[in-house]
Amino acid sequence: MTRAVRERVWAVMEEWFDPATPDQAVVMTWPDSQAPGGQAFLTLGLPKVDLQEHDGMKLVRCALTKSTQRSLTIHAERNSGSEG
């Protein structure tokens, strides 16, 4: 997406976005060699994830669901005996 297209899309999103509506957010990301980690972000509202910069990289942090926690536990248990 070119810069002009991205700016037009964002302008439309800003018009449509209703900050009074709870639990909604818009996050736009695109490659940008001048931004930390080579990735730039714009947000409207409060995303359900935490966008952070760490060691020059953009990271997304969110709470794990119970299902994801179970999957990670099963994966770790399966792989714990494979080394050695």
PDB file of N, CA and C in Angstrom:
ATOM      1  N   MET A   1       0.853  -1.159   0.000  1.00  0.00           N
ATOM      2  CA  MET A   1       0.000   0.000   0.000  1.00  0.00           C
ATOM      3  C   MET A   1       0.906   1.230   0.000  1.00  0.00           C
ATOM      4  N   THR A   2       0.661   2.116  -0.896  1.00  0.00           N
ATOM      5  CA  THR A   2       1.467   3.330  -0.953  1.00  0.00           C
ATOM      6  C   THR A   2       1.130   4.243   0.227  1.00  0.00           C
ATOM      7  N   ARG A   3       1.992   5.212   0.461  1.00  0.00           N
ATOM      8  CA  ARG A   3       1.756   6.149   1.559  1.00  0.00           C
ATOM      9  C   ARG A   3       0.439   6.893   1.374  1.00  0.00           C
ATOM     10  N   ALA A   4       0.170   7.342   0.141  1.00  0.00           N
ATOM     11  CA  ALA A   4      -1.064   8.091  -0.128  1.00  0.00           C
ATOM     12  C   ALA A   4      -2.295   7.226   0.150  1.00  0.00           C
ATOM     13  N   VAL A   5      -2.269   5.975  -0.263  1.00  0.00           N
ATOM     14  CA  VAL A   5      -3.400   5.073  -0.021  1.00  0.00           C
ATOM     15  C   VAL A   5      -3.556   4.829   1.479  1.00  0.00           C
ATOM     16  N   ARG A   6      -2.438   4.569   2.156  1.00  0.00           N
ATOM     17  CA  ARG A   6      -2.474   4.332   3.606  1.00  0.00           C
ATOM     18  C   ARG A   6      -3.059   5.548   4.339  1.00  0.00           C
ATOM     19  N   GLU A   7      -2.650   6.739   3.958  1.00  0.00           N
ATOM     20  CA  GLU A   7      -3.164   7.949   4.599  1.00  0.00           C
ATOM     21  C   GLU A   7      -4.656   8.132   4.336  1.00  0.00           C
ATOM     22  N   ARG A   8      -5.112   7.784   3.140  1.00  0.00           N
ATOM     23  CA  ARG A   8      -6.549   7.883   2.828  1.00  0.00           C
ATOM     24  C   ARG A   8      -7.334   6.852   3.629  1.00  0.00           C
ATOM     25  N   VAL A   9      -6.848   5.626   3.685  1.00  0.00           N
ATOM     26  CA  VAL A   9      -7.516   4.576   4.470  1.00  0.00           C
ATOM     27  C   VAL A   9      -7.600   4.999   5.930  1.00  0.00           C
ATOM     28  N   TRP A  10      -6.515   5.549   6.454  1.00  0.00           N
ATOM     29  CA  TRP A  10      -6.505   5.971   7.858  1.00  0.00           C
ATOM     30  C   TRP A  10      -7.489   7.115   8.097  1.00  0.00           C
ATOM     31  N   ALA A  11      -7.560   8.057   7.155  1.00  0.00           N
ATOM     32  CA  ALA A  11      -8.502   9.175   7.285  1.00  0.00           C
ATOM     33  C   ALA A  11      -9.943   8.656   7.339  1.00  0.00           C
ATOM     34  N   VAL A  12     -10.262   7.667   6.508  1.00  0.00           N
ATOM     35  CA  VAL A  12     -11.605   7.078   6.528  1.00  0.00           C
ATOM     36  C   VAL A  12     -11.839   6.358   7.857  1.00  0.00           C
ATOM     37  N   MET A  13     -10.838   5.618   8.344  1.00  0.00           N
ATOM     38  CA  MET A  13     -10.976   4.914   9.625  1.00  0.00           C
ATOM     39  C   MET A  13     -11.221   5.913  10.759  1.00  0.00           C
ATOM     40  N   GLU A  14     -10.530   7.040  10.732  1.00  0.00           N
ATOM     41  CA  GLU A  14     -10.738   8.059  11.767  1.00  0.00           C
ATOM     42  C   GLU A  14     -12.162   8.619  11.724  1.00  0.00           C
ATOM     43  N   GLU A  15     -12.719   8.764  10.515  1.00  0.00           N
ATOM     44  CA  GLU A  15     -14.096   9.255  10.386  1.00  0.00           C
ATOM     45  C   GLU A  15     -15.090   8.226  10.927  1.00  0.00           C
ATOM     46  N   TRP A  16     -14.866   6.945  10.638  1.00  0.00           N
ATOM     47  CA  TRP A  16     -15.789   5.880  11.028  1.00  0.00           C
ATOM     48  C   TRP A  16     -15.662   5.492  12.489  1.00  0.00           C
ATOM     49  N   PHE A  17     -14.494   5.676  13.059  1.00  0.00           N
ATOM     50  CA  PHE A  17     -14.234   5.197  14.412  1.00  0.00           C
ATOM     51  C   PHE A  17     -15.032   5.987  15.445  1.00  0.00           C
ATOM     52  N   ASP A  18     -15.677   5.274  16.340  1.00  0.00           N
ATOM     53  CA  ASP A  18     -16.452   5.903  17.408  1.00  0.00           C
ATOM     54  C   ASP A  18     -15.776   5.603  18.748  1.00  0.00           C
ATOM     55  N   PRO A  19     -15.050   6.553  19.310  1.00  0.00           N
ATOM     56  CA  PRO A  19     -14.329   6.298  20.557  1.00  0.00           C
ATOM     57  C   PRO A  19     -15.248   6.024  21.741  1.00  0.00           C
ATOM     58  N   ALA A  20     -16.532   6.347  21.596  1.00  0.00           N
ATOM     59  CA  ALA A  20     -17.475   6.106  22.690  1.00  0.00           C
ATOM     60  C   ALA A  20     -17.907   4.641  22.770  1.00  0.00           C
ATOM     61  N   THR A  21     -17.665   3.880  21.714  1.00  0.00           N
ATOM     62  CA  THR A  21     -18.028   2.462  21.718  1.00  0.00           C
ATOM     63  C   THR A  21     -16.939   1.674  22.431  1.00  0.00           C
ATOM     64  N   PRO A  22     -17.299   0.944  23.494  1.00  0.00           N
ATOM     65  CA  PRO A  22     -16.285   0.195  24.239  1.00  0.00           C
ATOM     66  C   PRO A  22     -15.763  -1.016  23.457  1.00  0.00           C
ATOM     67  N   ASP A  23     -14.605  -1.459  23.852  1.00  0.00           N
ATOM     68  CA  ASP A  23     -13.998  -2.684  23.302  1.00  0.00           C
ATOM     69  C   ASP A  23     -13.784  -2.651  21.797  1.00  0.00           C
ATOM     70  N   GLN A  24     -13.433  -1.528  21.268  1.00  0.00           N
ATOM     71  CA  GLN A  24     -13.068  -1.492  19.858  1.00  0.00           C
ATOM     72  C   GLN A  24     -11.756  -0.738  19.695  1.00  0.00           C
ATOM     73  N   ALA A  25     -10.989  -1.179  18.715  1.00  0.00           N
ATOM     74  CA  ALA A  25      -9.726  -0.516  18.415  1.00  0.00           C
ATOM     75  C   ALA A  25      -9.326  -0.861  16.991  1.00  0.00           C
ATOM     76  N   VAL A  26      -8.522   0.005  16.417  1.00  0.00           N
ATOM     77  CA  VAL A  26      -7.971  -0.219  15.085  1.00  0.00           C
ATOM     78  C   VAL A  26      -6.469  -0.038  15.201  1.00  0.00           C
ATOM     79  N   VAL A  27      -5.718  -0.981  14.652  1.00  0.00           N
ATOM     80  CA  VAL A  27      -4.265  -0.882  14.611  1.00  0.00           C
ATOM     81  C   VAL A  27      -3.835  -1.036  13.157  1.00  0.00           C
ATOM     82  N   MET A  28      -3.078  -0.087  12.659  1.00  0.00           N
ATOM     83  CA  MET A  28      -2.519  -0.177  11.311  1.00  0.00           C
ATOM     84  C   MET A  28      -1.007  -0.261  11.452  1.00  0.00           C
ATOM     85  N   THR A  29      -0.423  -1.176  10.734  1.00  0.00           N
ATOM     86  CA  THR A  29       1.037  -1.323  10.758  1.00  0.00           C
ATOM     87  C   THR A  29       1.543  -1.451   9.322  1.00  0.00           C
ATOM     88  N   TRP A  30       2.745  -0.965   9.096  1.00  0.00           N
ATOM     89  CA  TRP A  30       3.341  -1.035   7.771  1.00  0.00           C
ATOM     90  C   TRP A  30       4.855  -0.977   7.898  1.00  0.00           C
ATOM     91  N   PRO A  31       5.566  -1.491   6.893  1.00  0.00           N
ATOM     92  CA  PRO A  31       7.028  -1.420   6.913  1.00  0.00           C
ATOM     93  C   PRO A  31       7.493   0.035   6.806  1.00  0.00           C
ATOM     94  N   ASP A  32       8.470   0.394   7.641  1.00  0.00           N
ATOM     95  CA  ASP A  32       9.020   1.752   7.629  1.00  0.00           C
ATOM     96  C   ASP A  32      10.465   1.668   8.092  1.00  0.00           C
ATOM     97  N   SER A  33      11.378   1.851   7.174  1.00  0.00           N
ATOM     98  CA  SER A  33      12.798   1.702   7.499  1.00  0.00           C
ATOM     99  C   SER A  33      13.285   2.724   8.521  1.00  0.00           C
ATOM    100  N   GLN A  34      12.564   3.827   8.694  1.00  0.00           N
ATOM    101  CA  GLN A  34      12.960   4.858   9.651  1.00  0.00           C
ATOM    102  C   GLN A  34      12.438   4.583  11.067  1.00  0.00           C
ATOM    103  N   ALA A  35      11.501   3.667  11.203  1.00  0.00           N
ATOM    104  CA  ALA A  35      10.897   3.364  12.507  1.00  0.00           C
ATOM    105  C   ALA A  35      11.690   2.256  13.211  1.00  0.00           C
ATOM    106  N   PRO A  36      11.642   2.226  14.540  1.00  0.00           N
ATOM    107  CA  PRO A  36      12.322   1.149  15.269  1.00  0.00           C
ATOM    108  C   PRO A  36      11.835  -0.220  14.809  1.00  0.00           C
ATOM    109  N   GLY A  37      12.757  -1.104  14.529  1.00  0.00           N
ATOM    110  CA  GLY A  37      12.399  -2.443  14.070  1.00  0.00           C
ATOM    111  C   GLY A  37      11.882  -2.481  12.648  1.00  0.00           C
ATOM    112  N   GLY A  38      11.894  -1.334  11.962  1.00  0.00           N
ATOM    113  CA  GLY A  38      11.446  -1.292  10.575  1.00  0.00           C
ATOM    114  C   GLY A  38       9.938  -1.392  10.405  1.00  0.00           C
ATOM    115  N   GLN A  39       9.193  -1.141  11.484  1.00  0.00           N
ATOM    116  CA  GLN A  39       7.742  -1.273  11.443  1.00  0.00           C
ATOM    117  C   GLN A  39       7.110  -0.061  12.137  1.00  0.00           C
ATOM    118  N   ALA A  40       6.117   0.561  11.495  1.00  0.00           N
ATOM    119  CA  ALA A  40       5.422   1.703  12.076  1.00  0.00           C
ATOM    120  C   ALA A  40       3.987   1.305  12.419  1.00  0.00           C
ATOM    121  N   PHE A  41       3.395   2.000  13.396  1.00  0.00           N
ATOM    122  CA  PHE A  41       2.048   1.699  13.872  1.00  0.00           C
ATOM    123  C   PHE A  41       1.241   2.975  14.028  1.00  0.00           C
ATOM    124  N   LEU A  42      -0.053   2.862  13.794  1.00  0.00           N
ATOM    125  CA  LEU A  42      -1.031   3.882  14.171  1.00  0.00           C
ATOM    126  C   LEU A  42      -2.154   3.160  14.899  1.00  0.00           C
ATOM    127  N   THR A  43      -2.729   3.785  15.910  1.00  0.00           N
ATOM    128  CA  THR A  43      -3.830   3.147  16.628  1.00  0.00           C
ATOM    129  C   THR A  43      -4.961   4.137  16.864  1.00  0.00           C
ATOM    130  N   LEU A  44      -6.157   3.602  16.875  1.00  0.00           N
ATOM    131  CA  LEU A  44      -7.352   4.322  17.295  1.00  0.00           C
ATOM    132  C   LEU A  44      -7.949   3.508  18.428  1.00  0.00           C
ATOM    133  N   GLY A  45      -8.319   4.134  19.516  1.00  0.00           N
ATOM    134  CA  GLY A  45      -8.856   3.399  20.647  1.00  0.00           C
ATOM    135  C   GLY A  45      -7.756   2.703  21.422  1.00  0.00           C
ATOM    136  N   LEU A  46      -8.155   1.794  22.290  1.00  0.00           N
ATOM    137  CA  LEU A  46      -7.195   1.054  23.103  1.00  0.00           C
ATOM    138  C   LEU A  46      -7.199  -0.406  22.673  1.00  0.00           C
ATOM    139  N   PRO A  47      -6.159  -0.832  21.959  1.00  0.00           N
ATOM    140  CA  PRO A  47      -6.098  -2.226  21.524  1.00  0.00           C
ATOM    141  C   PRO A  47      -6.087  -3.179  22.721  1.00  0.00           C
ATOM    142  N   LYS A  48      -6.567  -4.403  22.521  1.00  0.00           N
ATOM    143  CA  LYS A  48      -6.574  -5.399  23.586  1.00  0.00           C
ATOM    144  C   LYS A  48      -5.187  -5.997  23.791  1.00  0.00           C
ATOM    145  N   VAL A  49      -4.241  -5.495  23.057  1.00  0.00           N
ATOM    146  CA  VAL A  49      -2.855  -5.934  23.206  1.00  0.00           C
ATOM    147  C   VAL A  49      -2.022  -4.728  23.624  1.00  0.00           C
ATOM    148  N   ASP A  50      -0.859  -5.004  24.129  1.00  0.00           N
ATOM    149  CA  ASP A  50       0.055  -3.964  24.566  1.00  0.00           C
ATOM    150  C   ASP A  50       1.166  -3.855  23.525  1.00  0.00           C
ATOM    151  N   LEU A  51       1.250  -2.727  22.829  1.00  0.00           N
ATOM    152  CA  LEU A  51       2.298  -2.507  21.828  1.00  0.00           C
ATOM    153  C   LEU A  51       3.487  -1.862  22.527  1.00  0.00           C
ATOM    154  N   GLN A  52       4.643  -2.504  22.431  1.00  0.00           N
ATOM    155  CA  GLN A  52       5.826  -1.998  23.117  1.00  0.00           C
ATOM    156  C   GLN A  52       7.037  -2.054  22.203  1.00  0.00           C
ATOM    157  N   GLU A  53       8.011  -1.224  22.527  1.00  0.00           N
ATOM    158  CA  GLU A  53       9.293  -1.273  21.838  1.00  0.00           C
ATOM    159  C   GLU A  53      10.319  -1.855  22.801  1.00  0.00           C
ATOM    160  N   HIS A  54      11.099  -2.806  22.323  1.00  0.00           N
ATOM    161  CA  HIS A  54      12.118  -3.444  23.146  1.00  0.00           C
ATOM    162  C   HIS A  54      13.329  -3.742  22.278  1.00  0.00           C
ATOM    163  N   ASP A  55      14.476  -3.214  22.652  1.00  0.00           N
ATOM    164  CA  ASP A  55      15.716  -3.412  21.898  1.00  0.00           C
ATOM    165  C   ASP A  55      15.553  -3.101  20.416  1.00  0.00           C
ATOM    166  N   GLY A  56      14.839  -2.002  20.103  1.00  0.00           N
ATOM    167  CA  GLY A  56      14.680  -1.574  18.724  1.00  0.00           C
ATOM    168  C   GLY A  56      13.669  -2.373  17.924  1.00  0.00           C
ATOM    169  N   MET A  57      12.880  -3.205  18.588  1.00  0.00           N
ATOM    170  CA  MET A  57      11.851  -3.990  17.897  1.00  0.00           C
ATOM    171  C   MET A  57      10.490  -3.656  18.471  1.00  0.00           C
ATOM    172  N   LYS A  58       9.466  -3.680  17.632  1.00  0.00           N
ATOM    173  CA  LYS A  58       8.094  -3.505  18.093  1.00  0.00           C
ATOM    174  C   LYS A  58       7.561  -4.879  18.485  1.00  0.00           C
ATOM    175  N   LEU A  59       6.985  -4.960  19.666  1.00  0.00           N
ATOM    176  CA  LEU A  59       6.446  -6.219  20.169  1.00  0.00           C
ATOM    177  C   LEU A  59       4.980  -6.038  20.534  1.00  0.00           C
ATOM    178  N   VAL A  60       4.235  -7.118  20.393  1.00  0.00           N
ATOM    179  CA  VAL A  60       2.832  -7.142  20.791  1.00  0.00           C
ATOM    180  C   VAL A  60       2.715  -8.130  21.939  1.00  0.00           C
ATOM    181  N   ARG A  61       2.186  -7.657  23.056  1.00  0.00           N
ATOM    182  CA  ARG A  61       2.028  -8.512  24.231  1.00  0.00           C
ATOM    183  C   ARG A  61       0.543  -8.572  24.578  1.00  0.00           C
ATOM    184  N   CYS A  62       0.074  -9.792  24.826  1.00  0.00           N
ATOM    185  CA  CYS A  62      -1.321  -9.962  25.217  1.00  0.00           C
ATOM    186  C   CYS A  62      -1.420 -11.107  26.217  1.00  0.00           C
ATOM    187  N   ALA A  63      -2.520 -11.127  26.927  1.00  0.00           N
ATOM    188  CA  ALA A  63      -2.750 -12.199  27.887  1.00  0.00           C
ATOM    189  C   ALA A  63      -3.017 -13.504  27.143  1.00  0.00           C
ATOM    190  N   LEU A  64      -2.520 -14.599  27.685  1.00  0.00           N
ATOM    191  CA  LEU A  64      -2.770 -15.908  27.091  1.00  0.00           C
ATOM    192  C   LEU A  64      -4.143 -16.408  27.505  1.00  0.00           C
ATOM    193  N   THR A  65      -4.835 -17.007  26.560  1.00  0.00           N
ATOM    194  CA  THR A  65      -6.107 -17.631  26.898  1.00  0.00           C
ATOM    195  C   THR A  65      -5.824 -18.964  27.586  1.00  0.00           C
ATOM    196  N   LYS A  66      -6.799 -19.517  28.274  1.00  0.00           N
ATOM    197  CA  LYS A  66      -6.624 -20.821  28.919  1.00  0.00           C
ATOM    198  C   LYS A  66      -6.287 -21.884  27.880  1.00  0.00           C
ATOM    199  N   SER A  67      -6.890 -21.802  26.714  1.00  0.00           N
ATOM    200  CA  SER A  67      -6.627 -22.760  25.647  1.00  0.00           C
ATOM    201  C   SER A  67      -5.167 -22.685  25.183  1.00  0.00           C
ATOM    202  N   THR A  68      -4.661 -21.473  25.007  1.00  0.00           N
ATOM    203  CA  THR A  68      -3.271 -21.298  24.590  1.00  0.00           C
ATOM    204  C   THR A  68      -2.317 -21.770  25.683  1.00  0.00           C
ATOM    205  N   GLN A  69      -2.633 -21.479  26.941  1.00  0.00           N
ATOM    206  CA  GLN A  69      -1.803 -21.944  28.047  1.00  0.00           C
ATOM    207  C   GLN A  69      -1.733 -23.469  28.056  1.00  0.00           C
ATOM    208  N   ARG A  70      -2.891 -24.145  27.857  1.00  0.00           N
ATOM    209  CA  ARG A  70      -2.916 -25.612  27.803  1.00  0.00           C
ATOM    210  C   ARG A  70      -2.056 -26.130  26.667  1.00  0.00           C
ATOM    211  N   SER A  71      -2.199 -25.504  25.489  1.00  0.00           N
ATOM    212  CA  SER A  71      -1.419 -25.935  24.322  1.00  0.00           C
ATOM    213  C   SER A  71       0.074 -25.795  24.573  1.00  0.00           C
ATOM    214  N   LEU A  72       0.485 -24.680  25.166  1.00  0.00           N
ATOM    215  CA  LEU A  72       1.903 -24.480  25.458  1.00  0.00           C
ATOM    216  C   LEU A  72       2.405 -25.489  26.485  1.00  0.00           C
ATOM    217  N   THR A  73       1.585 -25.805  27.481  1.00  0.00           N
ATOM    218  CA  THR A  73       1.962 -26.793  28.497  1.00  0.00           C
ATOM    219  C   THR A  73       2.131 -28.165  27.862  1.00  0.00           C
ATOM    220  N   ILE A  74       1.185 -28.551  27.015  1.00  0.00           N
ATOM    221  CA  ILE A  74       1.264 -29.858  26.338  1.00  0.00           C
ATOM    222  C   ILE A  74       2.501 -29.910  25.460  1.00  0.00           C
ATOM    223  N   HIS A  75       2.760 -28.834  24.722  1.00  0.00           N
ATOM    224  CA  HIS A  75       3.937 -28.773  23.851  1.00  0.00           C
ATOM    225  C   HIS A  75       5.224 -28.908  24.668  1.00  0.00           C
ATOM    226  N   ALA A  76       5.306 -28.184  25.787  1.00  0.00           N
ATOM    227  CA  ALA A  76       6.495 -28.235  26.634  1.00  0.00           C
ATOM    228  C   ALA A  76       6.672 -29.640  27.215  1.00  0.00           C
ATOM    229  N   GLU A  77       5.587 -30.271  27.640  1.00  0.00           N
ATOM    230  CA  GLU A  77       5.679 -31.611  28.207  1.00  0.00           C
ATOM    231  C   GLU A  77       6.137 -32.627  27.167  1.00  0.00           C
ATOM    232  N   ARG A  78       5.642 -32.513  25.958  1.00  0.00           N
ATOM    233  CA  ARG A  78       6.030 -33.425  24.863  1.00  0.00           C
ATOM    234  C   ARG A  78       7.500 -33.270  24.516  1.00  0.00           C
ATOM    235  N   ASN A  79       7.988 -32.041  24.578  1.00  0.00           N
ATOM    236  CA  ASN A  79       9.358 -31.782  24.163  1.00  0.00           C
ATOM    237  C   ASN A  79      10.374 -31.863  25.290  1.00  0.00           C
ATOM    238  N   SER A  80       9.925 -31.951  26.529  1.00  0.00           N
ATOM    239  CA  SER A  80      10.866 -31.965  27.642  1.00  0.00           C
ATOM    240  C   SER A  80      11.723 -33.234  27.670  1.00  0.00           C
ATOM    241  N   GLY A  81      11.194 -34.338  27.191  1.00  0.00           N
ATOM    242  CA  GLY A  81      11.958 -35.580  27.179  1.00  0.00           C
ATOM    243  C   GLY A  81      12.748 -35.807  25.907  1.00  0.00           C
ATOM    244  N   SER A  82      12.618 -34.910  24.920  1.00  0.00           N
ATOM    245  CA  SER A  82      13.292 -35.121  23.641  1.00  0.00           C
ATOM    246  C   SER A  82      14.759 -34.735  23.657  1.00  0.00           C
ATOM    247  N   GLU A  83      15.185 -33.935  24.629  1.00  0.00           N
ATOM    248  CA  GLU A  83      16.592 -33.554  24.732  1.00  0.00           C
ATOM    249  C   GLU A  83      17.314 -34.496  25.667  1.00  0.00           C
ATOM    250  N   GLY A  84      18.562 -34.781  25.371  1.00  0.00           N
ATOM    251  CA  GLY A  84      19.367 -35.579  26.282  1.00  0.00           C
ATOM    252  C   GLY A  84      19.652 -36.883  25.798  1.00  0.00           C
TER     253      GLY A  84
END
